[in-house]
Amino acid sequence: MRRLFFVLVCLLVFSGFLFSDEWYREASFYQIFPRSFYDSDGDGIGDLKGIMMKLDYISSLGVKGIWLNPTFPSPSYHGYDITDYYGVNPQFGTLDDMKMLIKEADKRGIKILLDLVINHTSSQIEWFKKSELRDTFFDSWYVWTNVLPKVEGKYGWAKPWSRGNSPWEVWSYSSMRKEYYYSAFWSGMPDLNLTNPEVTKEIYNIARYWLEMGVGGFRMDAVRYLIETGPGEGQADTEETKMWLRNFKDFCKKVKKDSFLIGEVWVANSTILTYGDSLDGYFDFEQRDVFVSTVGFGPSVGRFYSYIKNMKDITKSIDTWKKLYPFTSNHDVTRVHSLLERRPDSMERMKLFVTLMFTFPGNPFIYQGDEIGMLNSPYLRGDMAYRDPMVWSDAKNVSFTTGAPWTYVNPHPVINVMEQERDKNSLLNHYRRMSKIRNSEEVLRRGDIIIISNSVTNRVVSFARTNANDFIAVIVYPYPSPTNFTLYFDDEVYKNLKGNRFVDLLTSNTISITSNSIDFYFDSYTNLVLKLIKN
């Protein structure tokens, strides 16, 4: 018996080690735009010490990872044109501040993800300056041609996320070198030549440096465009790109076996899945659109059920589906609340969005401010409109800084952390409740998903998460008017439910299961998270 006990303990410990190597399969995350999160020193710019001061708040959301938008030195406010991959932007703090942030986050069970931009650099980095001068070592670190490609046919060189034939969009001229260099985003961001082994070696060195410092991994920017093989289709999603990423991931795992690499592959899920195991995960841009239209305009318009069916078809398994990570918003897209703002009771609809995100497969990313329903800034345009300072209170400068903020703040009497902390029914507290439910229910993190039919599928969303032991049914009603409806269970499902009861994890109300159908009445915007309790 003692020997059997020892074997069981060893198996549990071993399985724990295996599981810990993929902590990110269970975790939810919080995204921070450092410049706009919290200013610790009154200079008007958010910084690393400010993030440290808010770690307990972030932890209250139940997340286990923080993605930081670029923290490296850069000439731009957004940081996506990097001049030093081994440093910290002095506006945000020092290298010691970064080390302390990693340490303090780790104390709370939270890992830091850095935003690693390797498709391109700043044109002001020493690498590019030396490449322009034809330095022997740096000569081919970027993609050069002495002749501007011709406009031929319908499709050719153009922005790789569009279709057309305008090579001047992506080829920029260097008056110093007297040649053109490839720059998919703009002339100030020349693309690195990742077919050059020396460039790859340097990227590996950068990854090792930060992983050994203690970061949990990287959010990989714009990875669709890493290696071009020609114009048009050769500018995105090439097999060479996927292989490069696979090798890079393998290297990172050797340095730190539980490192996490998630990629920005901003395209349809069917294309994302062609990347396979090149990275550990990818952002699910489709799901956000489906959820917004579902809670904003109703399940029928929202393509909700067809999305589930399609995802089951193209992923084949829940483990594959879970490699696609849902998110509320990010620094590049309109805030989710702004997409719903013109609909009645938009904050109530936001709660329904959160319920869906935390009960679906995949691990959520929350963009700073979405947990309180921040809106696009009315004072700013373009990307700046969703990169404005976090609204901590309705006090001066929204308590973001004691100085003059780097850009316009957007004060609001309700959409701020202080006010929503006071209200137990606030959006912020709904995030916390749903995060706690997800973290405590294994079936929501690992279980399969099935559609449950109901009598008004064009108005009511109903599905379930299941595994061998647990069953949780989720019901969402995104309308302001009352409704009656009936939930139906097929024979195979009902035989495992009959004679038992459901408890709503949001309200603790119970429902007895006495037949293969249950009648409901909803007044207005409602969500239920019904866990099966066996009698």
Protein backbone atom coordinates (compact mmCIF):
# COMPACT_ATOMS: atom_id res chain seq x y z
CA MET A 1 0.00 0.00 0.00
CA ARG A 2 2.84 2.37 0.86
CA ARG A 3 4.45 1.65 -2.50
CA LEU A 4 1.16 2.31 -4.33
CA PHE A 5 0.77 5.59 -2.46
CA PHE A 6 4.30 6.59 -3.46
CA VAL A 7 3.58 5.81 -7.13
CA LEU A 8 0.37 7.85 -7.05
CA VAL A 9 2.16 10.82 -5.49
CA CYS A 10 4.88 10.63 -8.15
CA LEU A 11 2.28 10.54 -10.91
CA LEU A 12 0.50 13.57 -9.47
CA VAL A 13 3.73 15.51 -9.11
CA PHE A 14 4.83 14.54 -12.63
CA SER A 15 1.50 15.53 -14.14
CA GLY A 16 1.74 18.81 -12.25
CA PHE A 17 5.10 19.49 -13.87
CA LEU A 18 3.67 18.71 -17.29
CA PHE A 19 0.71 20.95 -16.68
CA SER A 20 2.85 23.81 -15.36
CA ASP A 21 4.77 23.84 -18.62
CA GLU A 22 1.58 25.05 -20.30
CA TRP A 23 0.25 27.42 -17.63
CA TYR A 24 -1.05 29.67 -20.39
CA ARG A 25 -3.65 27.08 -21.42
CA GLU A 26 -5.51 27.87 -18.18
CA ALA A 27 -4.70 31.56 -17.65
CA SER A 28 -6.49 34.75 -18.56
CA PHE A 29 -4.52 37.90 -19.30
CA TYR A 30 -4.55 41.69 -18.97
CA GLN A 31 -3.13 43.97 -21.67
CA ILE A 32 -1.47 47.25 -20.66
CA PHE A 33 -0.52 50.20 -22.84
CA PRO A 34 2.18 51.41 -20.40
CA ARG A 35 2.16 55.07 -21.38
CA SER A 36 -1.54 55.29 -20.50
CA PHE A 37 -1.95 53.01 -17.49
CA TYR A 38 -0.72 54.78 -14.35
CA ASP A 39 1.88 57.50 -13.74
CA SER A 40 3.89 57.07 -10.54
CA ASP A 41 6.05 60.20 -10.67
CA GLY A 42 3.83 63.00 -11.95
CA ASP A 43 5.50 63.51 -15.34
CA GLY A 44 2.24 62.73 -17.12
CA ILE A 45 3.42 59.43 -18.63
CA GLY A 46 2.47 55.99 -17.36
CA ASP A 47 5.43 53.90 -16.22
CA LEU A 48 6.60 50.56 -14.86
CA LYS A 49 6.44 51.69 -11.25
CA GLY A 50 2.87 52.77 -11.89
CA ILE A 51 2.04 49.27 -13.09
CA MET A 52 3.65 47.86 -9.93
CA MET A 53 1.43 50.10 -7.82
CA LYS A 54 -1.66 48.63 -9.51
CA LEU A 55 -0.68 44.95 -9.41
CA ASP A 56 -3.19 44.14 -6.66
CA TYR A 57 -5.95 45.69 -8.76
CA ILE A 58 -4.87 43.63 -11.79
CA SER A 59 -4.70 40.51 -9.63
CA SER A 60 -8.29 41.14 -8.49
CA LEU A 61 -9.36 40.42 -12.07
CA GLY A 62 -8.13 36.84 -11.70
CA VAL A 63 -5.55 37.07 -14.48
CA LYS A 64 -2.26 35.17 -14.52
CA GLY A 65 -0.47 37.12 -17.23
CA ILE A 66 0.11 40.74 -18.25
CA TRP A 67 0.93 41.68 -21.84
CA LEU A 68 2.83 44.94 -21.98
CA ASN A 69 2.77 46.92 -25.22
CA PRO A 70 6.37 47.73 -26.24
CA THR A 71 8.53 48.94 -23.37
CA PHE A 72 11.75 49.25 -25.40
CA PRO A 73 13.41 52.56 -26.37
CA SER A 74 11.66 54.01 -29.42
CA PRO A 75 11.20 57.39 -31.13
CA SER A 76 7.41 56.87 -31.26
CA TYR A 77 4.81 57.10 -28.50
CA HIS A 78 3.51 53.60 -29.34
CA GLY A 79 6.91 51.90 -29.32
CA TYR A 80 6.52 49.64 -32.34
CA ASP A 81 9.67 51.00 -33.98
CA ILE A 82 12.38 49.81 -31.61
CA THR A 83 15.89 51.26 -31.36
CA ASP A 84 17.24 49.01 -28.57
CA TYR A 85 15.94 45.52 -27.88
CA TYR A 86 17.92 45.15 -24.65
CA GLY A 87 16.73 48.30 -22.89
CA VAL A 88 13.72 50.01 -21.37
CA ASN A 89 12.22 53.24 -22.64
CA PRO A 90 13.52 55.82 -20.13
CA GLN A 91 10.06 57.41 -20.06
CA PHE A 92 8.80 54.17 -18.50
CA GLY A 93 11.67 53.58 -16.11
CA THR A 94 14.87 51.55 -15.92
CA LEU A 95 15.97 47.99 -16.42
CA ASP A 96 15.92 47.60 -12.64
CA ASP A 97 12.29 48.74 -12.65
CA MET A 98 11.49 46.02 -15.18
CA LYS A 99 13.23 43.42 -13.04
CA MET A 100 11.28 44.58 -10.00
CA LEU A 101 7.99 44.48 -11.93
CA ILE A 102 8.69 40.90 -13.01
CA LYS A 103 9.48 39.99 -9.40
CA GLU A 104 6.45 41.71 -7.89
CA ALA A 105 4.09 40.23 -10.49
CA ASP A 106 5.54 36.79 -9.86
CA LYS A 107 4.71 37.13 -6.14
CA ARG A 108 1.07 37.38 -7.20
CA GLY A 109 1.28 34.43 -9.57
CA ILE A 110 1.33 36.70 -12.61
CA LYS A 111 3.76 36.44 -15.52
CA ILE A 112 4.89 39.36 -17.69
CA LEU A 113 4.71 39.10 -21.49
CA LEU A 114 6.76 41.55 -23.54
CA ASP A 115 5.62 42.76 -26.96
CA LEU A 116 8.37 41.51 -29.28
CA VAL A 117 8.48 43.30 -32.65
CA ILE A 118 10.72 41.38 -35.06
CA ASN A 119 9.13 42.00 -38.44
CA HIS A 120 10.71 45.44 -38.50
CA THR A 121 12.80 47.87 -36.48
CA SER A 122 13.07 51.62 -36.30
CA SER A 123 15.01 53.23 -39.12
CA GLN A 124 16.94 54.95 -36.31
CA ILE A 125 18.41 51.73 -34.89
CA GLU A 126 22.15 51.24 -35.36
CA TRP A 127 21.52 48.05 -37.34
CA PHE A 128 19.75 49.93 -40.11
CA LYS A 129 22.13 52.86 -40.12
CA LYS A 130 25.04 50.47 -40.64
CA SER A 131 23.13 48.53 -43.28
CA GLU A 132 22.59 51.79 -45.19
CA LEU A 133 26.36 52.31 -45.07
CA ARG A 134 26.88 48.76 -46.46
CA ASP A 135 28.71 47.69 -43.33
CA THR A 136 30.06 44.21 -44.06
CA PHE A 137 28.25 42.59 -41.13
CA PHE A 138 24.94 44.49 -41.35
CA ASP A 139 24.75 44.82 -45.15
CA SER A 140 21.96 42.22 -45.61
CA TRP A 141 20.13 42.63 -42.31
CA TYR A 142 17.33 44.31 -44.25
CA VAL A 143 15.68 43.58 -47.61
CA TRP A 144 17.30 45.70 -50.34
CA THR A 145 16.89 46.05 -54.10
CA ASN A 146 18.58 48.44 -56.51
CA VAL A 147 15.53 48.54 -58.82
CA LEU A 148 11.99 49.40 -57.80
CA PRO A 149 9.80 46.42 -58.79
CA LYS A 150 7.60 47.12 -61.78
CA VAL A 151 3.83 47.38 -61.74
CA GLU A 152 2.81 44.24 -63.60
CA GLY A 153 -0.65 42.70 -63.77
CA LYS A 154 -3.47 43.07 -61.27
CA TYR A 155 -1.68 42.01 -58.09
CA GLY A 156 1.90 42.67 -57.10
CA TRP A 157 3.85 44.48 -54.42
CA ALA A 158 1.50 46.44 -52.12
CA LYS A 159 0.57 46.51 -48.45
CA PRO A 160 0.55 42.80 -47.54
CA TRP A 161 -2.87 43.02 -45.86
CA SER A 162 -4.44 44.41 -49.04
CA ARG A 163 -4.57 43.50 -52.72
CA GLY A 164 -3.16 45.68 -55.44
CA ASN A 165 -0.03 46.57 -57.34
CA SER A 166 1.66 49.66 -55.95
CA PRO A 167 5.25 48.81 -54.99
CA TRP A 168 5.91 52.37 -53.82
CA GLU A 169 3.66 51.53 -50.84
CA VAL A 170 6.19 49.04 -49.45
CA TRP A 171 9.53 49.90 -51.09
CA SER A 172 11.24 53.00 -49.65
CA TYR A 173 14.30 54.73 -51.06
CA SER A 174 17.52 55.25 -49.13
CA SER A 175 19.37 58.27 -50.51
CA MET A 176 22.40 57.16 -48.55
CA ARG A 177 22.60 53.63 -49.97
CA LYS A 178 20.98 54.53 -53.31
CA GLU A 179 18.71 51.49 -53.06
CA TYR A 180 15.17 50.61 -52.07
CA TYR A 181 14.37 48.79 -48.83
CA TYR A 182 11.23 46.81 -48.03
CA SER A 183 9.08 48.47 -45.36
CA ALA A 184 5.61 46.93 -45.17
CA PHE A 185 4.27 49.40 -42.59
CA TRP A 186 6.08 52.65 -43.44
CA SER A 187 9.51 53.97 -44.31
CA GLY A 188 10.38 54.49 -40.62
CA MET A 189 9.93 50.75 -39.99
CA PRO A 190 12.24 48.80 -42.33
CA ASP A 191 11.60 45.05 -42.43
CA LEU A 192 14.31 42.80 -41.08
CA ASN A 193 15.70 40.09 -43.36
CA LEU A 194 14.96 37.00 -41.31
CA THR A 195 16.45 34.73 -43.96
CA ASN A 196 19.84 36.05 -42.80
CA PRO A 197 21.18 33.64 -40.13
CA GLU A 198 22.89 36.50 -38.30
CA VAL A 199 19.57 38.34 -37.90
CA THR A 200 17.91 35.20 -36.58
CA LYS A 201 20.82 34.66 -34.19
CA GLU A 202 20.38 38.19 -32.83
CA ILE A 203 16.63 37.68 -32.32
CA TYR A 204 17.44 34.48 -30.43
CA ASN A 205 19.90 36.40 -28.25
CA ILE A 206 17.24 39.00 -27.47
CA ALA A 207 14.71 36.31 -26.51
CA ARG A 208 17.23 34.55 -24.29
CA TYR A 209 18.13 37.81 -22.56
CA TRP A 210 14.55 38.56 -21.51
CA LEU A 211 13.52 34.98 -20.75
CA GLU A 212 16.50 34.55 -18.46
CA MET A 213 15.55 37.83 -16.79
CA GLY A 214 12.22 36.23 -15.91
CA VAL A 215 9.57 37.28 -18.42
CA GLY A 216 6.93 34.64 -19.08
CA GLY A 217 7.10 34.96 -22.86
CA PHE A 218 6.23 37.23 -25.74
CA ARG A 219 3.33 38.63 -27.68
CA MET A 220 4.67 38.44 -31.25
CA ASP A 221 3.72 41.44 -33.37
CA ALA A 222 2.69 41.25 -37.05
CA VAL A 223 4.04 37.73 -37.55
CA ARG A 224 2.10 37.15 -40.79
CA TYR A 225 4.66 39.28 -42.60
CA LEU A 226 8.02 38.01 -41.34
CA ILE A 227 9.44 36.47 -44.53
CA GLU A 228 8.41 37.54 -48.04
CA THR A 229 8.93 35.22 -50.98
CA GLY A 230 7.56 37.55 -53.64
CA PRO A 231 4.73 39.99 -54.37
CA GLY A 232 1.07 39.43 -53.52
CA GLU A 233 0.51 36.10 -51.78
CA GLY A 234 4.23 35.87 -51.07
CA GLN A 235 4.02 38.81 -48.67
CA ALA A 236 1.96 37.13 -45.95
CA ASP A 237 1.48 33.72 -44.31
CA THR A 238 4.37 32.08 -46.15
CA GLU A 239 5.58 28.62 -45.22
CA GLU A 240 9.00 30.15 -44.58
CA THR A 241 7.42 32.41 -41.95
CA LYS A 242 5.70 29.49 -40.23
CA MET A 243 8.91 27.46 -40.16
CA TRP A 244 10.90 30.40 -38.77
CA LEU A 245 8.37 30.83 -35.97
CA ARG A 246 8.39 27.12 -35.20
CA ASN A 247 12.16 27.14 -34.82
CA PHE A 248 12.02 30.29 -32.71
CA LYS A 249 9.42 28.75 -30.40
CA ASP A 250 11.56 25.61 -30.01
CA PHE A 251 14.52 27.80 -29.05
CA CYS A 252 12.48 29.70 -26.45
CA LYS A 253 11.27 26.43 -24.91
CA LYS A 254 14.87 25.28 -24.55
CA VAL A 255 15.72 28.49 -22.72
CA LYS A 256 12.56 28.42 -20.60
CA LYS A 257 10.31 25.41 -21.01
CA ASP A 258 7.15 27.16 -19.82
CA SER A 259 7.63 30.26 -21.98
CA PHE A 260 4.53 31.39 -23.84
CA LEU A 261 4.48 32.82 -27.37
CA ILE A 262 1.22 34.24 -28.74
CA GLY A 263 1.07 35.72 -32.22
CA GLU A 264 -0.83 38.53 -33.86
CA VAL A 265 -2.08 36.78 -36.99
CA TRP A 266 -4.82 39.22 -37.95
CA VAL A 267 -6.74 37.12 -40.45
CA ALA A 268 -9.55 34.54 -40.62
CA ASN A 269 -9.33 31.62 -38.21
CA SER A 270 -9.11 29.13 -41.07
CA THR A 271 -5.83 30.78 -42.10
CA ILE A 272 -4.59 31.12 -38.53
CA LEU A 273 -4.93 27.37 -38.09
CA THR A 274 -2.48 26.78 -40.96
CA TYR A 275 0.20 28.05 -38.55
CA GLY A 276 -0.42 24.97 -36.40
CA ASP A 277 2.14 24.71 -33.60
CA SER A 278 4.39 27.45 -34.97
CA LEU A 279 3.43 29.38 -31.82
CA ASP A 280 1.58 28.46 -28.63
CA GLY A 281 -1.46 30.58 -29.43
CA TYR A 282 -3.05 33.22 -31.62
CA PHE A 283 -5.62 35.97 -31.09
CA ASP A 284 -9.18 35.19 -32.24
CA PHE A 285 -10.32 38.29 -34.12
CA GLU A 286 -13.43 36.55 -35.46
CA GLN A 287 -14.85 35.74 -32.05
CA ARG A 288 -14.94 39.37 -30.91
CA ASP A 289 -17.02 40.31 -33.96
CA VAL A 290 -19.43 37.44 -33.32
CA PHE A 291 -19.88 38.29 -29.64
CA VAL A 292 -20.40 42.01 -30.33
CA SER A 293 -23.07 41.37 -32.93
CA THR A 294 -24.69 38.73 -30.71
CA VAL A 295 -25.13 40.90 -27.63
CA GLY A 296 -25.67 44.04 -29.69
CA PHE A 297 -28.18 42.85 -32.27
CA GLY A 298 -29.25 39.35 -31.29
CA PRO A 299 -28.04 35.77 -31.84
CA SER A 300 -29.48 35.44 -35.35
CA VAL A 301 -27.68 38.51 -36.67
CA GLY A 302 -24.60 37.63 -34.64
CA ARG A 303 -23.86 34.37 -36.45
CA PHE A 304 -23.43 32.84 -33.00
CA TYR A 305 -24.42 29.25 -33.65
CA SER A 306 -22.75 29.09 -37.06
CA TYR A 307 -19.54 30.30 -35.43
CA ILE A 308 -19.60 27.40 -32.96
CA LYS A 309 -20.32 24.88 -35.72
CA ASN A 310 -17.58 26.28 -37.95
CA MET A 311 -15.02 26.31 -35.15
CA LYS A 312 -15.78 22.71 -34.28
CA ASP A 313 -15.39 21.80 -37.93
CA ILE A 314 -12.07 23.55 -38.53
CA THR A 315 -10.41 22.85 -35.18
CA LYS A 316 -11.57 19.21 -34.82
CA SER A 317 -10.69 19.21 -31.10
CA ILE A 318 -11.14 21.48 -28.11
CA ASP A 319 -7.37 21.53 -27.56
CA THR A 320 -6.88 23.07 -31.00
CA TRP A 321 -9.71 25.55 -30.43
CA LYS A 322 -8.07 26.66 -27.18
CA LYS A 323 -5.03 27.86 -29.13
CA LEU A 324 -7.21 30.74 -30.31
CA TYR A 325 -7.38 33.35 -27.56
CA PRO A 326 -10.42 35.67 -27.32
CA PHE A 327 -10.00 39.31 -26.37
CA THR A 328 -12.15 42.30 -25.50
CA SER A 329 -10.27 44.98 -27.47
CA ASN A 330 -6.65 45.95 -27.97
CA HIS A 331 -4.56 49.00 -28.83
CA ASP A 332 -5.32 48.58 -32.56
CA VAL A 333 -9.12 48.21 -32.62
CA THR A 334 -12.19 50.16 -31.58
CA ARG A 335 -13.06 49.51 -27.96
CA VAL A 336 -15.76 46.89 -27.55
CA HIS A 337 -18.04 49.24 -25.60
CA SER A 338 -17.84 51.81 -28.40
CA LEU A 339 -19.15 49.15 -30.79
CA LEU A 340 -22.16 48.69 -28.50
CA GLU A 341 -22.60 52.26 -27.26
CA ARG A 342 -25.44 53.18 -29.61
CA ARG A 343 -27.51 50.18 -28.60
CA PRO A 344 -29.90 50.56 -25.62
CA ASP A 345 -28.40 49.70 -22.22
CA SER A 346 -24.91 49.19 -23.60
CA MET A 347 -23.35 48.48 -20.18
CA GLU A 348 -25.80 45.62 -19.63
CA ARG A 349 -24.87 44.26 -23.04
CA MET A 350 -21.21 44.51 -22.04
CA LYS A 351 -21.91 42.17 -19.12
CA LEU A 352 -23.38 39.64 -21.53
CA PHE A 353 -20.26 39.95 -23.72
CA VAL A 354 -18.13 39.17 -20.66
CA THR A 355 -20.23 36.14 -19.75
CA LEU A 356 -19.77 34.72 -23.24
CA MET A 357 -16.04 35.37 -23.29
CA PHE A 358 -15.39 33.74 -19.92
CA THR A 359 -17.51 30.67 -20.64
CA PHE A 360 -16.22 29.96 -24.17
CA PRO A 361 -13.15 27.90 -25.09
CA GLY A 362 -9.92 29.86 -25.09
CA ASN A 363 -8.32 32.08 -22.49
CA PRO A 364 -9.43 35.73 -22.41
CA PHE A 365 -7.28 38.84 -22.86
CA ILE A 366 -8.72 42.00 -21.27
CA TYR A 367 -7.52 45.33 -22.64
CA GLN A 368 -6.99 47.94 -19.92
CA GLY A 369 -10.19 49.87 -19.32
CA ASP A 370 -12.52 47.38 -20.99
CA GLU A 371 -13.29 45.96 -17.54
CA ILE A 372 -14.98 49.28 -16.68
CA GLY A 373 -16.44 49.84 -20.15
CA MET A 374 -14.12 52.58 -21.36
CA LEU A 375 -15.16 54.16 -24.65
CA ASN A 376 -13.07 55.51 -27.49
CA SER A 377 -11.88 58.99 -26.58
CA PRO A 378 -14.06 61.72 -28.15
CA TYR A 379 -11.06 64.04 -28.06
CA LEU A 380 -8.68 61.88 -30.10
CA ARG A 381 -8.70 60.27 -33.55
CA GLY A 382 -7.42 57.04 -35.05
CA ASP A 383 -5.46 54.63 -32.87
CA MET A 384 -5.00 57.33 -30.24
CA ALA A 385 -8.73 57.16 -29.47
CA TYR A 386 -8.29 53.78 -27.74
CA ARG A 387 -4.88 54.43 -26.23
CA ASP A 388 -5.89 57.26 -23.88
CA PRO A 389 -5.23 57.12 -20.11
CA MET A 390 -6.95 54.62 -17.84
CA VAL A 391 -9.84 56.20 -15.92
CA TRP A 392 -9.18 55.50 -12.24
CA SER A 393 -11.66 58.00 -10.80
CA ASP A 394 -13.70 61.09 -11.62
CA ALA A 395 -11.09 63.30 -9.93
CA LYS A 396 -8.69 65.65 -11.71
CA ASN A 397 -6.90 63.96 -14.61
CA VAL A 398 -8.94 60.82 -13.78
CA SER A 399 -6.30 60.02 -11.11
CA PHE A 400 -3.98 58.83 -13.88
CA THR A 401 -1.33 61.41 -13.01
CA THR A 402 -0.69 64.24 -10.59
CA GLY A 403 0.92 66.20 -13.43
CA ALA A 404 -0.12 67.13 -16.94
CA PRO A 405 -1.18 63.95 -18.81
CA TRP A 406 0.67 63.14 -22.03
CA THR A 407 -2.62 63.20 -23.95
CA TYR A 408 -6.29 63.99 -23.33
CA VAL A 409 -8.04 62.15 -20.51
CA ASN A 410 -11.70 61.16 -20.80
CA PRO A 411 -13.44 61.68 -17.43
CA HIS A 412 -16.74 59.92 -16.74
CA PRO A 413 -18.97 59.77 -13.62
CA VAL A 414 -19.64 56.02 -13.99
CA ILE A 415 -16.94 54.65 -16.27
CA ASN A 416 -14.13 54.76 -13.74
CA VAL A 417 -12.61 52.26 -11.34
CA MET A 418 -13.47 54.11 -8.10
CA GLU A 419 -17.19 54.33 -8.88
CA GLN A 420 -17.46 50.73 -10.06
CA GLU A 421 -15.60 49.42 -7.02
CA ARG A 422 -18.51 50.80 -4.95
CA ASP A 423 -21.25 49.17 -7.04
CA LYS A 424 -21.57 45.41 -6.56
CA ASN A 425 -23.52 45.20 -9.85
CA SER A 426 -20.97 47.15 -11.90
CA LEU A 427 -19.31 45.86 -15.04
CA LEU A 428 -16.00 45.68 -13.18
CA ASN A 429 -17.45 43.40 -10.54
CA HIS A 430 -19.13 41.27 -13.19
CA TYR A 431 -15.70 40.73 -14.76
CA ARG A 432 -14.42 39.63 -11.38
CA ARG A 433 -17.33 37.26 -10.80
CA MET A 434 -17.00 35.67 -14.23
CA SER A 435 -13.23 35.38 -13.90
CA LYS A 436 -13.62 33.68 -10.51
CA ILE A 437 -16.19 31.27 -11.94
CA ARG A 438 -13.93 30.39 -14.86
CA ASN A 439 -10.91 29.91 -12.62
CA SER A 440 -12.83 27.62 -10.27
CA GLU A 441 -14.56 25.48 -12.93
CA GLU A 442 -12.25 23.16 -14.85
CA VAL A 443 -14.94 22.41 -17.40
CA LEU A 444 -14.93 26.08 -18.49
CA ARG A 445 -11.18 25.99 -19.00
CA ARG A 446 -10.82 22.57 -20.63
CA GLY A 447 -14.23 21.17 -21.49
CA ASP A 448 -15.87 20.64 -24.87
CA ILE A 449 -18.66 22.90 -26.14
CA ILE A 450 -22.07 21.84 -27.45
CA ILE A 451 -25.09 23.78 -28.69
CA ILE A 452 -28.29 23.42 -26.66
CA SER A 453 -31.45 24.11 -28.61
CA ASN A 454 -34.16 26.46 -27.39
CA SER A 455 -37.52 27.65 -28.65
CA VAL A 456 -36.32 31.13 -29.74
CA THR A 457 -32.78 30.68 -31.01
CA ASN A 458 -32.97 34.00 -32.87
CA ARG A 459 -33.28 35.77 -29.50
CA VAL A 460 -31.66 33.52 -26.90
CA VAL A 461 -28.15 32.06 -26.85
CA SER A 462 -27.78 28.65 -25.22
CA PHE A 463 -24.81 26.28 -25.15
CA ALA A 464 -22.99 24.05 -22.68
CA ARG A 465 -19.42 23.21 -21.65
CA THR A 466 -18.95 19.55 -20.86
CA ASN A 467 -16.43 16.94 -19.78
CA ALA A 468 -16.60 13.49 -18.22
CA ASN A 469 -17.68 14.82 -14.84
CA ASP A 470 -19.19 18.28 -15.25
CA PHE A 471 -21.84 20.10 -17.24
CA ILE A 472 -22.39 23.87 -17.30
CA ALA A 473 -25.17 25.38 -19.41
CA VAL A 474 -24.89 29.04 -20.38
CA ILE A 475 -27.89 31.15 -21.41
CA VAL A 476 -27.70 34.74 -22.62
CA TYR A 477 -30.66 36.96 -23.49
CA PRO A 478 -29.60 40.28 -25.11
CA TYR A 479 -32.93 42.14 -25.31
CA PRO A 480 -34.69 44.77 -23.15
CA SER A 481 -38.21 43.29 -23.40
CA PRO A 482 -39.62 40.24 -21.55
CA THR A 483 -39.63 36.80 -23.15
CA ASN A 484 -40.70 33.22 -22.49
CA PHE A 485 -38.65 30.38 -23.92
CA THR A 486 -37.94 26.71 -23.45
CA LEU A 487 -34.57 25.01 -23.23
CA TYR A 488 -34.43 21.51 -24.78
CA PHE A 489 -32.00 18.67 -24.07
CA ASP A 490 -31.60 15.81 -26.49
CA ASP A 491 -31.94 12.24 -25.16
CA GLU A 492 -28.19 11.63 -24.88
CA VAL A 493 -27.66 14.77 -22.80
CA TYR A 494 -30.82 14.39 -20.73
CA LYS A 495 -29.99 10.91 -19.47
CA ASN A 496 -27.02 12.44 -17.62
CA LEU A 497 -29.09 15.33 -16.27
CA LYS A 498 -32.39 13.82 -15.18
CA GLY A 499 -33.20 13.74 -11.50
CA ASN A 500 -30.52 16.31 -10.70
CA ARG A 501 -30.55 20.10 -10.48
CA PHE A 502 -28.82 23.21 -11.78
CA VAL A 503 -27.38 25.96 -9.64
CA ASP A 504 -26.83 29.36 -11.22
CA LEU A 505 -23.24 30.29 -10.37
CA LEU A 506 -24.10 34.00 -10.62
CA THR A 507 -27.09 34.04 -8.25
CA SER A 508 -27.01 30.65 -6.41
CA ASN A 509 -30.62 30.01 -7.52
CA THR A 510 -31.43 26.35 -8.20
CA ILE A 511 -33.53 24.65 -10.87
CA SER A 512 -34.73 21.03 -10.66
CA ILE A 513 -34.35 18.92 -13.81
CA THR A 514 -37.54 16.89 -14.08
CA SER A 515 -37.87 16.59 -17.87
CA ASN A 516 -35.88 17.09 -21.05
CA SER A 517 -37.15 20.67 -21.29
CA ILE A 518 -37.09 23.65 -18.93
CA ASP A 519 -39.28 26.75 -19.24
CA PHE A 520 -37.85 30.20 -18.52
CA TYR A 521 -39.14 33.77 -18.28
CA PHE A 522 -36.72 36.69 -18.59
CA ASP A 523 -37.60 40.34 -17.97
CA SER A 524 -34.64 41.75 -19.91
CA TYR A 525 -30.88 41.35 -20.39
CA THR A 526 -30.13 38.11 -18.59
CA ASN A 527 -27.32 35.62 -18.28
CA LEU A 528 -27.33 32.29 -16.47
CA VAL A 529 -24.37 30.03 -15.81
CA LEU A 530 -26.04 26.78 -14.74
CA LYS A 531 -23.83 24.14 -13.15
CA LEU A 532 -25.12 20.58 -12.87
CA ILE A 533 -25.34 19.41 -9.26
CA LYS A 534 -25.87 15.68 -8.90
CA ASN A 535 -28.28 14.60 -6.17
